[in-house]
Amino acid sequence: MQQTLVWKPWHNPGVENLRLHINEHGIHASSHLMQSLRGHSMVASYVLDCDPQWRFRRLWLKVDNLGQRRLELRRDIRGQWFHNGEPRPDLAQCQQVMLSDSPFTHTPPLQRCALETGQSSQLQVAYVDLLTLRVEARRKRYQHLHQDGHSTLYRSELEGLPSRELAMDKHALLVRASDQFLRLSARELKLNTWV
């Protein structure tokens, strides 16, 4: 499956355009975003890779905000984390990455949890602040609130931030996050197989 998705922040100017490729080898997402965050204009690009079971493997991130900065996070098959090549034992309990201002990073944990109505799951995430590029372990909790034919509603709680309600489509891709993001479009890309 290949998709292109576009989100906009709820209140601030900006846009995120993400290409998602899923096959038997894993999940590959590449994104470009522009936002105004806490009074600062920022442009960022990232590539996020997961294995076929949506386990985080690698994040490459470049941010331009008064100069370019980069970061790479990697988690090996033994669960050891590396930040720009250096071990990060403080992230050992983390299972996923969460970017401060990107709606896509809700998808891998929700795909992994596969929650039914009323169920909840708590996990540790490596939280990356897009403005400062600070990486720290934080507790994250999702609760499955309601499901209808077209979307599923979750409560999302991240340590240190207010809780939010997330409306997700059948692929656990964000449609709307209360007071945060709104999806503008989602388009599935198909190969033309006629000759």
Protein backbone atom coordinates (compact mmCIF):
# COMPACT_ATOMS: atom_id res chain seq x y z
CA MET A 1 0.00 0.00 0.00
CA GLN A 2 1.18 3.49 -0.82
CA GLN A 3 -0.55 6.62 0.40
CA THR A 4 -0.03 10.36 0.40
CA LEU A 5 -1.53 12.23 3.37
CA VAL A 6 -1.78 15.94 4.14
CA TRP A 7 -2.51 17.47 7.55
CA LYS A 8 -2.72 21.05 8.80
CA PRO A 9 -2.38 22.34 12.34
CA TRP A 10 -5.70 23.29 13.91
CA HIS A 11 -4.75 26.86 14.92
CA ASN A 12 -1.31 27.70 13.51
CA PRO A 13 -0.26 28.15 9.90
CA GLY A 14 1.44 25.11 8.45
CA VAL A 15 1.13 21.83 6.60
CA GLU A 16 2.55 18.30 6.68
CA ASN A 17 2.77 16.17 3.54
CA LEU A 18 3.61 12.50 4.17
CA ARG A 19 4.21 9.56 1.85
CA LEU A 20 3.58 6.17 3.40
CA HIS A 21 4.75 2.90 1.88
CA ILE A 22 3.77 -0.44 3.48
CA ASN A 23 4.86 -3.84 2.20
CA GLU A 24 6.04 -7.22 3.50
CA HIS A 25 9.46 -5.73 4.38
CA GLY A 26 8.10 -3.02 6.67
CA ILE A 27 6.74 0.50 6.89
CA HIS A 28 8.50 3.52 5.41
CA ALA A 29 7.20 7.06 5.94
CA SER A 30 8.81 10.20 4.54
CA SER A 31 7.45 13.60 5.44
CA HIS A 32 7.97 17.31 4.89
CA LEU A 33 6.36 19.81 7.20
CA MET A 34 6.24 23.55 7.74
CA GLN A 35 4.79 25.01 10.92
CA SER A 36 4.82 27.97 13.23
CA LEU A 37 5.63 26.57 16.68
CA ARG A 38 5.65 28.68 19.82
CA GLY A 39 6.39 31.80 17.76
CA HIS A 40 9.09 30.17 15.62
CA SER A 41 8.81 29.24 11.95
CA MET A 42 10.17 25.78 11.24
CA VAL A 43 10.67 23.50 8.25
CA ALA A 44 11.40 19.82 8.85
CA SER A 45 11.85 16.60 6.92
CA TYR A 46 11.88 13.14 8.41
CA VAL A 47 12.06 9.50 7.45
CA LEU A 48 10.62 6.95 9.85
CA ASP A 49 11.02 3.18 9.40
CA CYS A 50 9.27 0.34 11.23
CA ASP A 51 9.42 -3.41 10.76
CA PRO A 52 6.35 -5.25 9.35
CA GLN A 53 4.85 -5.45 12.89
CA TRP A 54 5.09 -1.64 13.29
CA ARG A 55 8.04 -1.85 15.72
CA PHE A 56 10.15 1.30 15.51
CA ARG A 57 13.55 0.88 13.86
CA ARG A 58 14.88 4.26 12.66
CA LEU A 59 14.15 8.00 12.51
CA TRP A 60 16.16 10.48 10.48
CA LEU A 61 15.16 14.10 11.07
CA LYS A 62 16.36 17.41 9.64
CA VAL A 63 15.00 20.70 11.00
CA ASP A 64 15.62 24.20 9.67
CA ASN A 65 14.89 26.86 12.27
CA LEU A 66 17.54 29.58 12.20
CA GLY A 67 20.01 27.04 10.85
CA GLN A 68 19.87 23.34 9.99
CA ARG A 69 20.13 20.63 12.60
CA ARG A 70 19.84 16.86 12.24
CA LEU A 71 19.23 13.88 14.39
CA GLU A 72 19.07 10.15 13.95
CA LEU A 73 17.43 7.71 16.35
CA ARG A 74 17.76 3.98 15.92
CA ARG A 75 16.46 0.99 17.85
CA ASP A 76 18.07 -2.36 17.13
CA ILE A 77 16.40 -5.78 17.33
CA ARG A 78 17.60 -6.17 20.94
CA GLY A 79 15.78 -2.95 21.92
CA GLN A 80 18.92 -0.83 22.35
CA TRP A 81 18.56 2.83 21.34
CA PHE A 82 21.16 4.99 19.61
CA HIS A 83 20.99 8.78 19.25
CA ASN A 84 23.31 10.03 16.50
CA GLY A 85 25.26 6.80 16.88
CA GLU A 86 25.67 7.08 20.67
CA PRO A 87 23.93 4.62 23.04
CA ARG A 88 20.93 5.99 24.96
CA PRO A 89 20.30 3.57 27.84
CA ASP A 90 17.75 6.03 29.30
CA LEU A 91 15.46 5.13 26.35
CA ALA A 92 15.70 1.36 26.96
CA GLN A 93 12.03 1.03 27.99
CA CYS A 94 10.78 3.05 24.99
CA GLN A 95 8.94 1.19 22.27
CA GLN A 96 8.11 3.95 19.79
CA VAL A 97 9.06 7.49 18.75
CA MET A 98 6.69 10.44 19.18
CA LEU A 99 7.41 13.70 17.36
CA SER A 100 6.05 16.77 19.13
CA ASP A 101 4.23 18.19 16.11
CA SER A 102 3.59 15.40 13.62
CA PRO A 103 0.25 13.54 13.52
CA PHE A 104 1.69 10.41 11.88
CA THR A 105 3.63 9.25 14.93
CA HIS A 106 0.37 8.14 16.61
CA THR A 107 -0.05 5.45 13.94
CA PRO A 108 2.73 2.96 14.85
CA PRO A 109 1.76 2.64 18.55
CA LEU A 110 -1.94 2.34 17.71
CA GLN A 111 -1.20 -0.32 15.08
CA ARG A 112 0.89 -2.23 17.65
CA CYS A 113 -1.72 -1.94 20.45
CA ALA A 114 -4.75 -3.04 18.34
CA LEU A 115 -7.12 -1.90 21.11
CA GLU A 116 -10.78 -2.90 21.32
CA THR A 117 -13.49 -0.52 22.60
CA GLY A 118 -12.91 0.27 26.27
CA GLN A 119 -9.34 -1.04 26.31
CA SER A 120 -6.30 1.10 27.01
CA SER A 121 -2.56 0.69 26.72
CA GLN A 122 0.35 2.51 28.33
CA LEU A 123 3.83 2.55 26.85
CA GLN A 124 7.08 4.47 26.95
CA VAL A 125 7.99 6.61 23.94
CA ALA A 126 11.09 8.49 22.89
CA TYR A 127 9.62 11.98 22.64
CA VAL A 128 11.37 14.35 20.22
CA ASP A 129 10.72 18.09 20.49
CA LEU A 130 10.92 19.41 16.92
CA LEU A 131 12.10 22.87 17.97
CA THR A 132 14.91 21.87 20.33
CA LEU A 133 15.60 18.31 19.05
CA ARG A 134 15.64 17.21 22.70
CA VAL A 135 14.90 13.49 23.07
CA GLU A 136 13.50 12.11 26.33
CA ALA A 137 11.54 9.10 27.57
CA ARG A 138 7.90 9.83 28.37
CA ARG A 139 4.84 7.79 29.32
CA LYS A 140 2.11 7.60 26.65
CA ARG A 141 -1.39 6.16 27.10
CA TYR A 142 -4.08 5.44 24.53
CA GLN A 143 -7.68 4.52 25.33
CA HIS A 144 -10.11 3.23 22.69
CA LEU A 145 -13.31 5.24 23.28
CA HIS A 146 -15.68 4.51 20.42
CA GLN A 147 -15.85 3.06 16.92
CA ASP A 148 -18.26 3.65 14.08
CA GLY A 149 -18.17 2.54 10.47
CA HIS A 150 -15.68 5.15 9.33
CA SER A 151 -13.46 6.11 12.25
CA THR A 152 -12.26 5.18 15.71
CA LEU A 153 -12.01 7.63 18.57
CA TYR A 154 -9.13 7.40 21.07
CA ARG A 155 -8.03 9.41 24.08
CA SER A 156 -4.32 10.19 23.91
CA GLU A 157 -2.37 11.17 27.03
CA LEU A 158 1.30 12.08 26.92
CA GLU A 159 3.22 12.82 30.12
CA GLY A 160 3.56 16.57 30.55
CA LEU A 161 0.87 17.54 28.00
CA PRO A 162 -2.94 17.83 28.06
CA SER A 163 -4.95 14.82 26.87
CA ARG A 164 -6.45 14.89 23.38
CA GLU A 165 -9.08 12.99 21.46
CA LEU A 166 -7.91 11.42 18.20
CA ALA A 167 -10.21 10.35 15.37
CA MET A 168 -8.41 7.71 13.30
CA ASP A 169 -9.38 5.98 10.04
CA LYS A 170 -9.42 2.19 9.50
CA HIS A 171 -5.62 2.20 8.97
CA ALA A 172 -5.01 4.09 12.28
CA LEU A 173 -4.07 7.22 10.34
CA LEU A 174 -5.12 10.46 11.98
CA VAL A 175 -8.22 12.24 10.65
CA ARG A 176 -8.52 14.79 13.43
CA ALA A 177 -6.82 15.54 16.76
CA SER A 178 -8.79 17.83 19.04
CA ASP A 179 -7.25 21.29 19.03
CA GLN A 180 -4.14 20.05 17.21
CA PHE A 181 -4.41 18.63 13.66
CA LEU A 182 -6.91 18.13 10.84
CA ARG A 183 -6.34 15.88 7.84
CA LEU A 184 -6.96 17.64 4.53
CA SER A 185 -6.52 14.69 2.20
CA ALA A 186 -5.53 11.06 1.88
CA ARG A 187 -4.86 9.49 -1.48
CA GLU A 188 -3.95 5.89 -2.16
CA LEU A 189 -1.35 5.54 -4.88
CA LYS A 190 -1.80 2.63 -7.27
CA LEU A 191 0.52 1.37 -9.95
CA ASN A 192 -0.86 1.39 -13.46
CA THR A 193 -0.71 -2.24 -14.55
CA TRP A 194 -2.22 -1.93 -18.01
CA VAL A 195 0.10 -2.01 -20.99
